[in-house]
Structure formats: C-alpha cells, structure tokens
Amino acid sequence: MLDEQLKNLLATTASISTVLQFLSGTITCQRIVRNKSTGEISAFPFVSGCLSTALWLRYGFLIQDTSIILVNTIGVSLFFSYVLVLFLYSIKKIQVLRQFLLSLGLLVAVLMKLHRMEDGAQAHQFLGYTCMAVTVLFFAAPFATLLQVIRSKSTDSLPYHLIVATFLVSLQWLIYGLMLQDPFIQAPNFLGCVLSGLQLSLFLIYPAKAHGASVI
C-alpha cells in the first residue's frame, strides 16, 4: 500500500517536473523571438524532443500508464510549437524542415511496423527499444553543438535551462522506472542523468558570454 502511494506521488511529481522541463523551451524561444534570429541555436534538440514525446505517448497507451500519456500529450504539443518558432526565425529553414520531415518519417515507419505486429510482447519490446534509442538521442542532442562550444569557449549555443531540467526530470523518471521495474524507462533516464550532467559541466568550463554572461 505504501509502495503504491509512493509510486503515485512520484508519478505526479515527475509529471509536473517533466511539463516544467518542456516549458523551459519557451525561454529559448523567447530569446529567438526577441532577437528575431535563432543565432547558433540548433533545431535538432527540439526536433528530437518532438519525436521522443510522440513515441513515448504511444508507449504510454501501450502499457496504459496515465502519467506517461498526459505528460507526452503536452510534450508533443509544446515541442511542435518550438520547432515551428525555430523554422520561422531560422535562416536555415531547409535544414530545419529536413530534420522535421526525417523525424516524422521515422515516427510513421515505427507506428506502421507496430501496427503490423500481432504479438503484444514483441510490440512492447520493439517500441520500448525504439523509445530508449530516441530518448538517448534527445538527451545527447545538445552535443551536436559541442565543437562550437569548444571552438568559441562559450556555451551560448547550449540550451542551459533545458539541460538542467533534463537532469532533474531524468532522475525522477529513473526512480519511477525502478519502482515499475520497467527497463525501458530505467535505461534511457539513467543515461539522461549522465549525459545532461556532462553537458552541465561545460557551463563551468566555458561560461556563457552572451546577454550579461548569465545562464540563469
């Protein structure tokens, strides 16, 4: 009984934290709108976030987990909005559109393959591994600008608020996955803690210089 209450409490707090994590992208988008340019900000973290939340939404329906369904319904909506903002203000619109269409194509391919599977256990395993892979891609996405960070010795191009939120949320979902004994939730969130922790260390090595040199 106590374990069930603890699990429900953790599911609630993790869901709230995850929505706040998703909302942290609005800070980046506000900066883009204010500057009327995406600058060095890559669309890839937001495109991969859109794909990741869409797949986890399907996984939530598969295992009938209300928390996962609710969180990722909100996530898909927000990340799609962020991608749209980046598309509108980017001078590399073709690149943003290409990334989004590739992600959409992958999503459609996964859903079609899943639809053809008659074995429930096999479908669960296939979607679980796919979600794990895409989530790790989402967590590692800010590393796409790693060379830019090292070259400029500044973390201006990294979404600080999104990375901090990712670390905190990954930790909560890792614990939730341990309570559910679901390795498909445990593994990517463990890696999420490690990868986001490494990215945060870059802010200590190379402080952001733009906008008053403050990342918070």
N, C-alpha and C. Protein backbone atom coordinates (compact mmCIF):
# COMPACT_ATOMS: atom_id res chain seq x y z
N MET A 1 0.83 -1.20 0.00
CA MET A 1 0.00 0.00 0.00
C MET A 1 0.87 1.26 0.00
N LEU A 2 1.91 1.24 0.88
CA LEU A 2 2.82 2.38 0.96
C LEU A 2 3.59 2.55 -0.34
N ASP A 3 4.00 1.40 -0.92
CA ASP A 3 4.74 1.45 -2.19
C ASP A 3 3.88 2.05 -3.30
N GLU A 4 2.58 1.71 -3.30
CA GLU A 4 1.67 2.23 -4.32
C GLU A 4 1.47 3.73 -4.15
N GLN A 5 1.35 4.18 -2.92
CA GLN A 5 1.21 5.61 -2.66
C GLN A 5 2.46 6.37 -3.07
N LEU A 6 3.62 5.77 -2.76
CA LEU A 6 4.88 6.39 -3.13
C LEU A 6 5.03 6.47 -4.65
N LYS A 7 4.61 5.40 -5.32
CA LYS A 7 4.69 5.37 -6.78
C LYS A 7 3.79 6.43 -7.39
N ASN A 8 2.58 6.57 -6.85
CA ASN A 8 1.65 7.59 -7.35
C ASN A 8 2.18 9.01 -7.10
N LEU A 9 2.78 9.21 -5.93
CA LEU A 9 3.36 10.52 -5.60
C LEU A 9 4.50 10.85 -6.55
N LEU A 10 5.35 9.86 -6.79
CA LEU A 10 6.49 10.07 -7.68
C LEU A 10 6.03 10.32 -9.11
N ALA A 11 4.98 9.59 -9.53
CA ALA A 11 4.43 9.79 -10.88
C ALA A 11 3.90 11.21 -11.04
N THR A 12 3.27 11.72 -9.99
CA THR A 12 2.72 13.08 -10.03
C THR A 12 3.83 14.12 -10.08
N THR A 13 4.83 13.99 -9.18
CA THR A 13 5.92 14.98 -9.15
C THR A 13 6.77 14.90 -10.42
N ALA A 14 6.99 13.69 -10.92
CA ALA A 14 7.78 13.53 -12.15
C ALA A 14 7.03 14.13 -13.34
N SER A 15 5.71 13.96 -13.35
CA SER A 15 4.90 14.52 -14.44
C SER A 15 4.95 16.04 -14.44
N ILE A 16 4.81 16.62 -13.24
CA ILE A 16 4.86 18.09 -13.11
C ILE A 16 6.23 18.61 -13.53
N SER A 17 7.29 17.94 -13.06
CA SER A 17 8.65 18.36 -13.40
C SER A 17 8.91 18.24 -14.90
N THR A 18 8.35 17.19 -15.50
CA THR A 18 8.55 16.99 -16.94
C THR A 18 7.87 18.09 -17.75
N VAL A 19 6.66 18.46 -17.35
CA VAL A 19 5.95 19.55 -18.04
C VAL A 19 6.73 20.85 -17.89
N LEU A 20 7.29 21.09 -16.69
CA LEU A 20 8.12 22.28 -16.47
C LEU A 20 9.38 22.22 -17.34
N GLN A 21 9.92 21.01 -17.48
CA GLN A 21 11.08 20.83 -18.36
C GLN A 21 10.73 21.21 -19.79
N PHE A 22 9.59 20.70 -20.25
CA PHE A 22 9.16 21.03 -21.61
C PHE A 22 8.94 22.53 -21.77
N LEU A 23 8.38 23.16 -20.74
CA LEU A 23 8.12 24.60 -20.79
C LEU A 23 9.40 25.43 -20.79
N SER A 24 10.50 24.84 -20.33
CA SER A 24 11.77 25.58 -20.31
C SER A 24 12.21 25.95 -21.72
N GLY A 25 11.69 25.25 -22.70
CA GLY A 25 12.00 25.59 -24.09
C GLY A 25 11.45 26.94 -24.49
N THR A 26 10.44 27.43 -23.75
CA THR A 26 9.87 28.75 -24.07
C THR A 26 10.89 29.86 -23.82
N ILE A 27 11.81 29.63 -22.88
CA ILE A 27 12.85 30.63 -22.59
C ILE A 27 13.73 30.81 -23.82
N THR A 28 14.11 29.69 -24.41
CA THR A 28 14.93 29.75 -25.63
C THR A 28 14.16 30.40 -26.77
N CYS A 29 12.88 30.06 -26.89
CA CYS A 29 12.06 30.62 -27.97
C CYS A 29 11.82 32.12 -27.78
N GLN A 30 11.68 32.56 -26.54
CA GLN A 30 11.52 33.99 -26.26
C GLN A 30 12.75 34.76 -26.70
N ARG A 31 13.92 34.17 -26.45
CA ARG A 31 15.17 34.80 -26.86
C ARG A 31 15.26 34.88 -28.38
N ILE A 32 14.80 33.82 -29.04
CA ILE A 32 14.81 33.79 -30.51
C ILE A 32 13.90 34.87 -31.07
N VAL A 33 12.70 34.98 -30.51
CA VAL A 33 11.72 35.98 -30.99
C VAL A 33 12.24 37.38 -30.71
N ARG A 34 12.84 37.57 -29.54
CA ARG A 34 13.36 38.89 -29.17
C ARG A 34 14.49 39.32 -30.12
N ASN A 35 15.36 38.37 -30.45
CA ASN A 35 16.48 38.67 -31.34
C ASN A 35 16.12 38.54 -32.82
N LYS A 36 14.92 37.99 -33.07
CA LYS A 36 14.47 37.74 -34.45
C LYS A 36 15.46 36.89 -35.23
N SER A 37 16.11 35.99 -34.50
CA SER A 37 17.08 35.09 -35.12
C SER A 37 17.35 33.92 -34.18
N THR A 38 17.63 32.75 -34.74
CA THR A 38 17.97 31.59 -33.92
C THR A 38 19.43 31.61 -33.50
N GLY A 39 20.24 32.48 -34.15
CA GLY A 39 21.66 32.55 -33.82
C GLY A 39 22.33 31.20 -34.03
N GLU A 40 23.07 30.74 -33.00
CA GLU A 40 23.77 29.45 -33.07
C GLU A 40 22.93 28.30 -32.51
N ILE A 41 21.69 28.58 -32.12
CA ILE A 41 20.83 27.55 -31.52
C ILE A 41 20.40 26.55 -32.58
N SER A 42 20.62 25.29 -32.29
CA SER A 42 20.26 24.22 -33.22
C SER A 42 18.82 23.78 -33.02
N ALA A 43 18.15 23.45 -34.11
CA ALA A 43 16.77 22.96 -34.03
C ALA A 43 16.73 21.49 -33.63
N PHE A 44 17.87 20.81 -33.72
CA PHE A 44 17.91 19.37 -33.51
C PHE A 44 17.39 18.92 -32.15
N PRO A 45 17.75 19.59 -31.02
CA PRO A 45 17.21 19.16 -29.73
C PRO A 45 15.68 19.22 -29.67
N PHE A 46 15.10 20.20 -30.34
CA PHE A 46 13.65 20.36 -30.31
C PHE A 46 12.95 19.39 -31.26
N VAL A 47 13.58 19.13 -32.39
CA VAL A 47 13.02 18.14 -33.33
C VAL A 47 13.06 16.74 -32.72
N SER A 48 14.19 16.40 -32.09
CA SER A 48 14.31 15.09 -31.45
C SER A 48 13.37 14.99 -30.25
N GLY A 49 13.13 16.13 -29.57
CA GLY A 49 12.17 16.14 -28.46
C GLY A 49 10.76 15.87 -28.94
N CYS A 50 10.43 16.41 -30.10
CA CYS A 50 9.11 16.20 -30.69
C CYS A 50 8.92 14.71 -31.01
N LEU A 51 9.93 14.11 -31.62
CA LEU A 51 9.87 12.68 -31.96
C LEU A 51 9.82 11.82 -30.71
N SER A 52 10.65 12.15 -29.72
CA SER A 52 10.71 11.37 -28.48
C SER A 52 9.38 11.36 -27.75
N THR A 53 8.77 12.54 -27.59
CA THR A 53 7.49 12.61 -26.86
C THR A 53 6.37 11.90 -27.62
N ALA A 54 6.42 11.94 -28.95
CA ALA A 54 5.40 11.25 -29.75
C ALA A 54 5.49 9.74 -29.56
N LEU A 55 6.72 9.22 -29.53
CA LEU A 55 6.90 7.77 -29.34
C LEU A 55 6.54 7.35 -27.92
N TRP A 56 6.91 8.17 -26.93
CA TRP A 56 6.56 7.82 -25.54
C TRP A 56 5.06 7.93 -25.30
N LEU A 57 4.40 8.80 -26.04
CA LEU A 57 2.94 8.88 -25.96
C LEU A 57 2.33 7.55 -26.39
N ARG A 58 2.85 7.01 -27.50
CA ARG A 58 2.36 5.71 -27.99
C ARG A 58 2.69 4.60 -26.99
N TYR A 59 3.87 4.68 -26.36
CA TYR A 59 4.26 3.69 -25.37
C TYR A 59 3.34 3.77 -24.15
N GLY A 60 2.96 4.97 -23.77
CA GLY A 60 2.05 5.15 -22.64
C GLY A 60 0.71 4.48 -22.89
N PHE A 61 0.21 4.60 -24.13
CA PHE A 61 -1.04 3.91 -24.48
C PHE A 61 -0.86 2.40 -24.47
N LEU A 62 0.34 1.95 -24.88
CA LEU A 62 0.60 0.52 -24.95
C LEU A 62 0.60 -0.13 -23.56
N ILE A 63 1.22 0.56 -22.58
CA ILE A 63 1.27 -0.01 -21.23
C ILE A 63 0.17 0.55 -20.34
N GLN A 64 -0.67 1.44 -20.93
CA GLN A 64 -1.81 2.04 -20.23
C GLN A 64 -1.39 2.77 -18.94
N ASP A 65 -0.38 3.64 -19.11
CA ASP A 65 0.10 4.46 -18.00
C ASP A 65 -0.39 5.89 -18.20
N THR A 66 -1.31 6.33 -17.34
CA THR A 66 -1.93 7.65 -17.47
C THR A 66 -0.92 8.79 -17.40
N SER A 67 0.06 8.67 -16.50
CA SER A 67 1.06 9.72 -16.32
C SER A 67 1.87 9.93 -17.60
N ILE A 68 2.31 8.85 -18.20
CA ILE A 68 3.11 8.93 -19.42
C ILE A 68 2.28 9.50 -20.57
N ILE A 69 1.01 9.11 -20.65
CA ILE A 69 0.12 9.62 -21.70
C ILE A 69 -0.08 11.12 -21.56
N LEU A 70 -0.40 11.58 -20.36
CA LEU A 70 -0.67 13.00 -20.12
C LEU A 70 0.55 13.86 -20.40
N VAL A 71 1.68 13.46 -19.83
CA VAL A 71 2.91 14.24 -19.97
C VAL A 71 3.33 14.37 -21.43
N ASN A 72 3.25 13.29 -22.18
CA ASN A 72 3.74 13.33 -23.55
C ASN A 72 2.73 13.92 -24.53
N THR A 73 1.48 13.98 -24.17
CA THR A 73 0.50 14.72 -24.98
C THR A 73 0.86 16.21 -24.94
N ILE A 74 1.17 16.69 -23.73
CA ILE A 74 1.60 18.08 -23.58
C ILE A 74 2.94 18.30 -24.28
N GLY A 75 3.84 17.31 -24.13
CA GLY A 75 5.17 17.42 -24.72
C GLY A 75 5.16 17.55 -26.23
N VAL A 76 4.37 16.72 -26.89
CA VAL A 76 4.27 16.77 -28.36
C VAL A 76 3.81 18.15 -28.81
N SER A 77 2.79 18.69 -28.14
CA SER A 77 2.24 20.00 -28.50
C SER A 77 3.27 21.10 -28.34
N LEU A 78 4.01 21.08 -27.22
CA LEU A 78 5.00 22.12 -26.96
C LEU A 78 6.19 22.04 -27.91
N PHE A 79 6.72 20.84 -28.09
CA PHE A 79 7.90 20.71 -28.95
C PHE A 79 7.59 21.03 -30.41
N PHE A 80 6.37 20.71 -30.84
CA PHE A 80 5.99 21.08 -32.20
C PHE A 80 5.96 22.61 -32.33
N SER A 81 5.47 23.28 -31.29
CA SER A 81 5.44 24.75 -31.30
C SER A 81 6.85 25.33 -31.34
N TYR A 82 7.78 24.71 -30.59
CA TYR A 82 9.16 25.19 -30.56
C TYR A 82 9.82 25.03 -31.94
N VAL A 83 9.57 23.88 -32.57
CA VAL A 83 10.13 23.65 -33.90
C VAL A 83 9.59 24.67 -34.89
N LEU A 84 8.33 25.00 -34.75
CA LEU A 84 7.71 25.99 -35.63
C LEU A 84 8.37 27.36 -35.46
N VAL A 85 8.64 27.74 -34.20
CA VAL A 85 9.30 29.02 -33.94
C VAL A 85 10.70 29.04 -34.56
N LEU A 86 11.46 27.96 -34.37
CA LEU A 86 12.79 27.90 -34.94
C LEU A 86 12.75 27.95 -36.46
N PHE A 87 11.75 27.30 -37.04
CA PHE A 87 11.61 27.32 -38.50
C PHE A 87 11.36 28.75 -39.00
N LEU A 88 10.49 29.46 -38.31
CA LEU A 88 10.11 30.81 -38.74
C LEU A 88 11.28 31.79 -38.65
N TYR A 89 12.16 31.62 -37.65
CA TYR A 89 13.23 32.59 -37.43
C TYR A 89 14.60 32.12 -37.89
N SER A 90 14.69 30.90 -38.40
CA SER A 90 15.98 30.39 -38.84
C SER A 90 16.30 30.82 -40.27
N ILE A 91 17.58 31.08 -40.52
CA ILE A 91 17.99 31.38 -41.89
C ILE A 91 18.28 30.07 -42.64
N LYS A 92 18.24 28.96 -41.90
CA LYS A 92 18.46 27.63 -42.49
C LYS A 92 17.16 26.83 -42.45
N LYS A 93 16.12 27.41 -43.03
CA LYS A 93 14.80 26.78 -42.98
C LYS A 93 14.78 25.39 -43.61
N ILE A 94 15.52 25.20 -44.68
CA ILE A 94 15.55 23.90 -45.35
C ILE A 94 16.11 22.84 -44.42
N GLN A 95 17.15 23.21 -43.66
CA GLN A 95 17.75 22.27 -42.72
C GLN A 95 16.78 21.88 -41.61
N VAL A 96 16.06 22.86 -41.07
CA VAL A 96 15.07 22.59 -40.02
C VAL A 96 13.95 21.72 -40.57
N LEU A 97 13.47 22.05 -41.77
CA LEU A 97 12.39 21.29 -42.39
C LEU A 97 12.84 19.86 -42.68
N ARG A 98 14.08 19.70 -43.13
CA ARG A 98 14.59 18.36 -43.43
C ARG A 98 14.64 17.51 -42.17
N GLN A 99 15.12 18.10 -41.08
CA GLN A 99 15.20 17.37 -39.81
C GLN A 99 13.81 16.95 -39.34
N PHE A 100 12.85 17.87 -39.47
CA PHE A 100 11.49 17.57 -39.01
C PHE A 100 10.85 16.47 -39.86
N LEU A 101 11.02 16.55 -41.17
CA LEU A 101 10.42 15.55 -42.07
C LEU A 101 11.06 14.18 -41.87
N LEU A 102 12.36 14.14 -41.60
CA LEU A 102 13.03 12.86 -41.32
C LEU A 102 12.47 12.24 -40.03
N SER A 103 12.27 13.09 -39.02
CA SER A 103 11.71 12.60 -37.75
C SER A 103 10.28 12.12 -37.94
N LEU A 104 9.51 12.86 -38.72
CA LEU A 104 8.13 12.47 -38.99
C LEU A 104 8.08 11.15 -39.75
N GLY A 105 8.99 10.99 -40.71
CA GLY A 105 9.05 9.74 -41.47
C GLY A 105 9.40 8.56 -40.59
N LEU A 106 10.33 8.78 -39.64
CA LEU A 106 10.71 7.71 -38.71
C LEU A 106 9.54 7.35 -37.81
N LEU A 107 8.81 8.36 -37.34
CA LEU A 107 7.65 8.12 -36.49
C LEU A 107 6.59 7.29 -37.22
N VAL A 108 6.30 7.66 -38.44
CA VAL A 108 5.29 6.95 -39.24
C VAL A 108 5.74 5.50 -39.47
N ALA A 109 7.03 5.30 -39.78
CA ALA A 109 7.56 3.95 -40.03
C ALA A 109 7.43 3.07 -38.79
N VAL A 110 7.75 3.64 -37.62
CA VAL A 110 7.65 2.89 -36.36
C VAL A 110 6.21 2.51 -36.07
N LEU A 111 5.30 3.47 -36.23
CA LEU A 111 3.88 3.21 -35.94
C LEU A 111 3.30 2.17 -36.90
N MET A 112 3.71 2.21 -38.16
CA MET A 112 3.22 1.24 -39.14
C MET A 112 3.73 -0.16 -38.81
N LYS A 113 5.00 -0.26 -38.45
CA LYS A 113 5.57 -1.56 -38.08
C LYS A 113 4.89 -2.10 -36.82
N LEU A 114 4.64 -1.23 -35.87
CA LEU A 114 3.98 -1.61 -34.63
C LEU A 114 2.56 -2.11 -34.90
N HIS A 115 1.88 -1.45 -35.84
CA HIS A 115 0.51 -1.83 -36.18
C HIS A 115 0.44 -3.23 -36.78
N ARG A 116 1.51 -3.62 -37.48
CA ARG A 116 1.51 -4.94 -38.13
C ARG A 116 1.87 -6.07 -37.18
N MET A 117 2.36 -5.73 -36.00
CA MET A 117 2.76 -6.76 -35.04
C MET A 117 1.54 -7.31 -34.30
N GLU A 118 1.39 -8.61 -34.30
CA GLU A 118 0.25 -9.26 -33.63
C GLU A 118 0.62 -9.72 -32.22
N ASP A 119 1.90 -9.96 -31.98
CA ASP A 119 2.37 -10.39 -30.67
C ASP A 119 2.55 -9.18 -29.77
N GLY A 120 1.74 -9.10 -28.70
CA GLY A 120 1.79 -7.96 -27.79
C GLY A 120 3.14 -7.78 -27.12
N ALA A 121 3.77 -8.88 -26.71
CA ALA A 121 5.07 -8.81 -26.04
C ALA A 121 6.14 -8.31 -27.01
N GLN A 122 6.05 -8.77 -28.25
CA GLN A 122 7.02 -8.34 -29.26
C GLN A 122 6.86 -6.84 -29.56
N ALA A 123 5.59 -6.39 -29.64
CA ALA A 123 5.31 -4.98 -29.89
C ALA A 123 5.83 -4.11 -28.75
N HIS A 124 5.63 -4.60 -27.52
CA HIS A 124 6.11 -3.89 -26.34
C HIS A 124 7.63 -3.73 -26.38
N GLN A 125 8.31 -4.82 -26.70
CA GLN A 125 9.77 -4.81 -26.74
C GLN A 125 10.28 -3.90 -27.86
N PHE A 126 9.67 -3.99 -29.04
CA PHE A 126 10.09 -3.18 -30.18
C PHE A 126 9.93 -1.69 -29.89
N LEU A 127 8.76 -1.31 -29.38
CA LEU A 127 8.51 0.10 -29.10
C LEU A 127 9.37 0.59 -27.94
N GLY A 128 9.58 -0.28 -26.96
CA GLY A 128 10.40 0.08 -25.81
C GLY A 128 11.83 0.40 -26.22
N TYR A 129 12.42 -0.46 -27.04
CA TYR A 129 13.79 -0.23 -27.51
C TYR A 129 13.88 1.02 -28.39
N THR A 130 12.84 1.24 -29.20
CA THR A 130 12.82 2.42 -30.07
C THR A 130 12.75 3.69 -29.23
N CYS A 131 11.89 3.70 -28.22
CA CYS A 131 11.77 4.85 -27.33
C CYS A 131 13.08 5.12 -26.60
N MET A 132 13.74 4.05 -26.17
CA MET A 132 15.02 4.18 -25.49
C MET A 132 16.04 4.87 -26.40
N ALA A 133 16.13 4.40 -27.64
CA ALA A 133 17.12 4.93 -28.58
C ALA A 133 16.87 6.41 -28.87
N VAL A 134 15.60 6.76 -29.11
CA VAL A 134 15.27 8.14 -29.45
C VAL A 134 15.45 9.06 -28.24
N THR A 135 15.15 8.55 -27.04
CA THR A 135 15.32 9.36 -25.83
C THR A 135 16.79 9.67 -25.58
N VAL A 136 17.64 8.68 -25.79
CA VAL A 136 19.08 8.91 -25.64
C VAL A 136 19.53 9.96 -26.66
N LEU A 137 18.96 9.89 -27.88
CA LEU A 137 19.27 10.89 -28.92
C LEU A 137 18.84 12.28 -28.45
N PHE A 138 17.67 12.37 -27.81
CA PHE A 138 17.17 13.64 -27.30
C PHE A 138 18.08 14.20 -26.21
N PHE A 139 18.49 13.32 -25.29
CA PHE A 139 19.38 13.75 -24.21
C PHE A 139 20.73 14.22 -24.75
N ALA A 140 21.21 13.54 -25.79
CA ALA A 140 22.53 13.85 -26.34
C ALA A 140 22.49 14.95 -27.39
N ALA A 141 21.28 15.38 -27.78
CA ALA A 141 21.14 16.35 -28.88
C ALA A 141 21.97 17.62 -28.70
N PRO A 142 22.02 18.21 -27.49
CA PRO A 142 22.84 19.42 -27.34
C PRO A 142 24.32 19.21 -27.65
N PHE A 143 24.78 17.94 -27.66
CA PHE A 143 26.16 17.68 -28.01
C PHE A 143 26.44 17.96 -29.49
N ALA A 144 25.35 18.17 -30.26
CA ALA A 144 25.51 18.49 -31.67
C ALA A 144 26.29 19.79 -31.85
N THR A 145 26.26 20.65 -30.83
CA THR A 145 26.96 21.93 -30.90
C THR A 145 28.25 21.91 -30.06
N LEU A 146 28.71 20.71 -29.69
CA LEU A 146 29.88 20.58 -28.82
C LEU A 146 31.12 21.24 -29.43
N LEU A 147 31.35 21.01 -30.71
CA LEU A 147 32.52 21.61 -31.38
C LEU A 147 32.45 23.13 -31.35
N GLN A 148 31.23 23.66 -31.53
CA GLN A 148 31.04 25.11 -31.47
C GLN A 148 31.38 25.65 -30.09
N VAL A 149 30.99 24.92 -29.06
CA VAL A 149 31.28 25.32 -27.67
C VAL A 149 32.79 25.35 -27.43
N ILE A 150 33.48 24.29 -27.87
CA ILE A 150 34.93 24.21 -27.66
C ILE A 150 35.66 25.27 -28.47
N ARG A 151 35.21 25.49 -29.71
CA ARG A 151 35.86 26.46 -30.59
C ARG A 151 35.71 27.89 -30.08
N SER A 152 34.49 28.21 -29.61
CA SER A 152 34.22 29.58 -29.15
C SER A 152 34.50 29.78 -27.66
N LYS A 153 34.76 28.66 -26.96
CA LYS A 153 34.96 28.69 -25.50
C LYS A 153 33.79 29.38 -24.80
N SER A 154 32.59 29.13 -25.30
CA SER A 154 31.37 29.70 -24.73
C SER A 154 30.22 28.72 -24.92
N THR A 155 29.34 28.66 -23.94
CA THR A 155 28.19 27.75 -24.01
C THR A 155 26.91 28.47 -24.45
N ASP A 156 27.06 29.61 -25.13
CA ASP A 156 25.89 30.38 -25.58
C ASP A 156 24.95 29.54 -26.44
N SER A 157 25.50 28.60 -27.19
CA SER A 157 24.70 27.81 -28.12
C SER A 157 24.00 26.62 -27.46
N LEU A 158 24.28 26.37 -26.17
CA LEU A 158 23.64 25.26 -25.47
C LEU A 158 22.41 25.75 -24.69
N PRO A 159 21.29 25.02 -24.77
CA PRO A 159 20.07 25.41 -24.02
C PRO A 159 20.19 25.04 -22.55
N TYR A 160 20.77 25.94 -21.76
CA TYR A 160 21.08 25.67 -20.34
C TYR A 160 19.85 25.20 -19.55
N HIS A 161 18.75 25.96 -19.63
CA HIS A 161 17.56 25.65 -18.84
C HIS A 161 17.00 24.27 -19.19
N LEU A 162 17.04 23.94 -20.48
CA LEU A 162 16.55 22.65 -20.92
C LEU A 162 17.42 21.52 -20.39
N ILE A 163 18.74 21.73 -20.33
CA ILE A 163 19.65 20.70 -19.85
C ILE A 163 19.50 20.48 -18.34
N VAL A 164 19.37 21.57 -17.58
CA VAL A 164 19.15 21.45 -16.13
C VAL A 164 17.86 20.69 -15.84
N ALA A 165 16.81 21.08 -16.55
CA ALA A 165 15.51 20.43 -16.36
C ALA A 165 15.60 18.95 -16.74
N THR A 166 16.35 18.66 -17.79
CA THR A 166 16.51 17.27 -18.23
C THR A 166 17.17 16.42 -17.16
N PHE A 167 18.18 16.96 -16.50
CA PHE A 167 18.87 16.21 -15.45
C PHE A 167 17.91 15.88 -14.29
N LEU A 168 17.17 16.88 -13.83
CA LEU A 168 16.26 16.68 -12.69
C LEU A 168 15.12 15.72 -13.04
N VAL A 169 14.58 15.88 -14.24
CA VAL A 169 13.47 15.03 -14.65
C VAL A 169 13.93 13.59 -14.88
N SER A 170 15.10 13.43 -15.48
CA SER A 170 15.65 12.09 -15.72
C SER A 170 15.81 11.33 -14.41
N LEU A 171 16.26 12.03 -13.38
CA LEU A 171 16.46 11.40 -12.08
C LEU A 171 15.14 10.88 -11.51
N GLN A 172 14.09 11.69 -11.64
CA GLN A 172 12.77 11.27 -11.12
C GLN A 172 12.20 10.09 -11.89
N TRP A 173 12.30 10.15 -13.23
CA TRP A 173 11.77 9.04 -14.03
C TRP A 173 12.60 7.77 -13.87
N LEU A 174 13.89 7.93 -13.56
CA LEU A 174 14.73 6.76 -13.28
C LEU A 174 14.21 6.03 -12.05
N ILE A 175 13.91 6.79 -11.00
CA ILE A 175 13.37 6.19 -9.78
C ILE A 175 12.00 5.56 -10.04
N TYR A 176 11.17 6.26 -10.83
CA TYR A 176 9.84 5.73 -11.18
C TYR A 176 9.98 4.43 -11.97
N GLY A 177 10.93 4.40 -12.90
CA GLY A 177 11.17 3.18 -13.68
C GLY A 177 11.63 2.03 -12.82
N LEU A 178 12.43 2.33 -11.80
CA LEU A 178 12.89 1.29 -10.87
C LEU A 178 11.70 0.72 -10.08
N MET A 179 10.77 1.60 -9.70
CA MET A 179 9.60 1.15 -8.95
C MET A 179 8.66 0.31 -9.83
N LEU A 180 8.59 0.67 -11.11
CA LEU A 180 7.75 -0.10 -12.05
C LEU A 180 8.47 -1.36 -12.54
N GLN A 181 9.77 -1.42 -12.28
CA GLN A 181 10.62 -2.50 -12.79
C GLN A 181 10.53 -2.56 -14.32
N ASP A 182 10.56 -1.38 -14.93
CA ASP A 182 10.48 -1.27 -16.39
C ASP A 182 11.84 -0.81 -16.92
N PRO A 183 12.61 -1.73 -17.52
CA PRO A 183 13.96 -1.36 -18.00
C PRO A 183 13.92 -0.34 -19.13
N PHE A 184 12.81 -0.25 -19.86
CA PHE A 184 12.71 0.70 -20.96
C PHE A 184 12.58 2.14 -20.45
N ILE A 185 12.15 2.29 -19.21
CA ILE A 185 12.11 3.62 -18.58
C ILE A 185 13.41 3.87 -17.82
N GLN A 186 13.94 2.82 -17.20
CA GLN A 186 15.16 2.96 -16.39
C GLN A 186 16.37 3.36 -17.23
N ALA A 187 16.66 2.59 -18.26
CA ALA A 187 17.91 2.75 -19.02
C ALA A 187 18.10 4.14 -19.63
N PRO A 188 17.12 4.65 -20.40
CA PRO A 188 17.34 5.96 -21.01
C PRO A 188 17.44 7.10 -20.00
N ASN A 189 16.74 6.97 -18.87
CA ASN A 189 16.79 8.04 -17.88
C ASN A 189 18.08 8.00 -17.07
N PHE A 190 18.66 6.81 -16.91
CA PHE A 190 19.99 6.73 -16.30
C PHE A 190 21.01 7.43 -17.19
N LEU A 191 20.95 7.12 -18.49
CA LEU A 191 21.84 7.76 -19.44
C LEU A 191 21.57 9.27 -19.51
N GLY A 192 20.28 9.63 -19.36
CA GLY A 192 19.91 11.04 -19.37
C GLY A 192 20.59 11.80 -18.24
N CYS A 193 20.64 11.19 -17.06
CA CYS A 193 21.32 11.82 -15.91
C CYS A 193 22.81 12.01 -16.21
N VAL A 194 23.42 10.98 -16.78
CA VAL A 194 24.86 11.03 -17.07
C VAL A 194 25.17 12.08 -18.14
N LEU A 195 24.42 12.03 -19.26
CA LEU A 195 24.69 12.93 -20.39
C LEU A 195 24.42 14.39 -20.04
N SER A 196 23.28 14.63 -19.36
CA SER A 196 22.96 16.01 -19.00
C SER A 196 23.93 16.54 -17.95
N GLY A 197 24.41 15.65 -17.08
CA GLY A 197 25.42 16.04 -16.10
C GLY A 197 26.72 16.47 -16.78
N LEU A 198 27.11 15.73 -17.81
CA LEU A 198 28.32 16.07 -18.56
C LEU A 198 28.15 17.41 -19.28
N GLN A 199 26.96 17.64 -19.83
CA GLN A 199 26.70 18.90 -20.52
C GLN A 199 26.73 20.08 -19.55
N LEU A 200 26.20 19.88 -18.36
CA LEU A 200 26.21 20.95 -17.36
C LEU A 200 27.64 21.31 -16.95
N SER A 201 28.53 20.31 -16.97
CA SER A 201 29.92 20.59 -16.61
C SER A 201 30.57 21.55 -17.60
N LEU A 202 30.06 21.59 -18.84
CA LEU A 202 30.61 22.51 -19.84
C LEU A 202 30.36 23.97 -19.45
N PHE A 203 29.26 24.21 -18.72
CA PHE A 203 28.96 25.58 -18.31
C PHE A 203 29.95 26.08 -17.25
N LEU A 204 30.56 25.15 -16.52
CA LEU A 204 31.60 25.53 -15.55
C LEU A 204 32.92 25.79 -16.26
N ILE A 205 33.17 25.02 -17.32
CA ILE A 205 34.42 25.17 -18.07
C ILE A 205 34.38 26.37 -19.00
N TYR A 206 33.23 26.51 -19.71
CA TYR A 206 33.07 27.60 -20.68
C TYR A 206 31.81 28.40 -20.35
N PRO A 207 31.87 29.37 -19.46
CA PRO A 207 30.67 30.17 -19.10
C PRO A 207 30.09 30.88 -20.32
N ALA A 208 28.76 31.03 -20.32
CA ALA A 208 28.09 31.75 -21.40
C ALA A 208 28.48 33.22 -21.35
N LYS A 209 28.73 33.81 -22.55
CA LYS A 209 29.16 35.20 -22.60
C LYS A 209 28.07 36.15 -23.04
N ALA A 210 27.06 35.61 -23.73
CA ALA A 210 26.02 36.49 -24.27
C ALA A 210 25.02 36.89 -23.19
N HIS A 211 24.42 38.08 -23.40
CA HIS A 211 23.34 38.57 -22.54
C HIS A 211 23.76 38.66 -21.07
N GLY A 212 24.87 39.33 -20.86
CA GLY A 212 25.27 39.56 -19.46
C GLY A 212 26.00 38.40 -18.84
N ALA A 213 26.39 37.42 -19.65
CA ALA A 213 27.16 36.27 -19.18
C ALA A 213 26.46 35.47 -18.11
N SER A 214 25.14 35.49 -18.15
CA SER A 214 24.37 34.73 -17.16
C SER A 214 23.59 33.64 -17.86
N VAL A 215 23.58 32.44 -17.27
CA VAL A 215 22.84 31.34 -17.85
C VAL A 215 21.57 31.05 -17.10
N ILE A 216 21.30 31.82 -16.03
CA ILE A 216 20.09 31.58 -15.25
C ILE A 216 19.26 32.83 -15.19
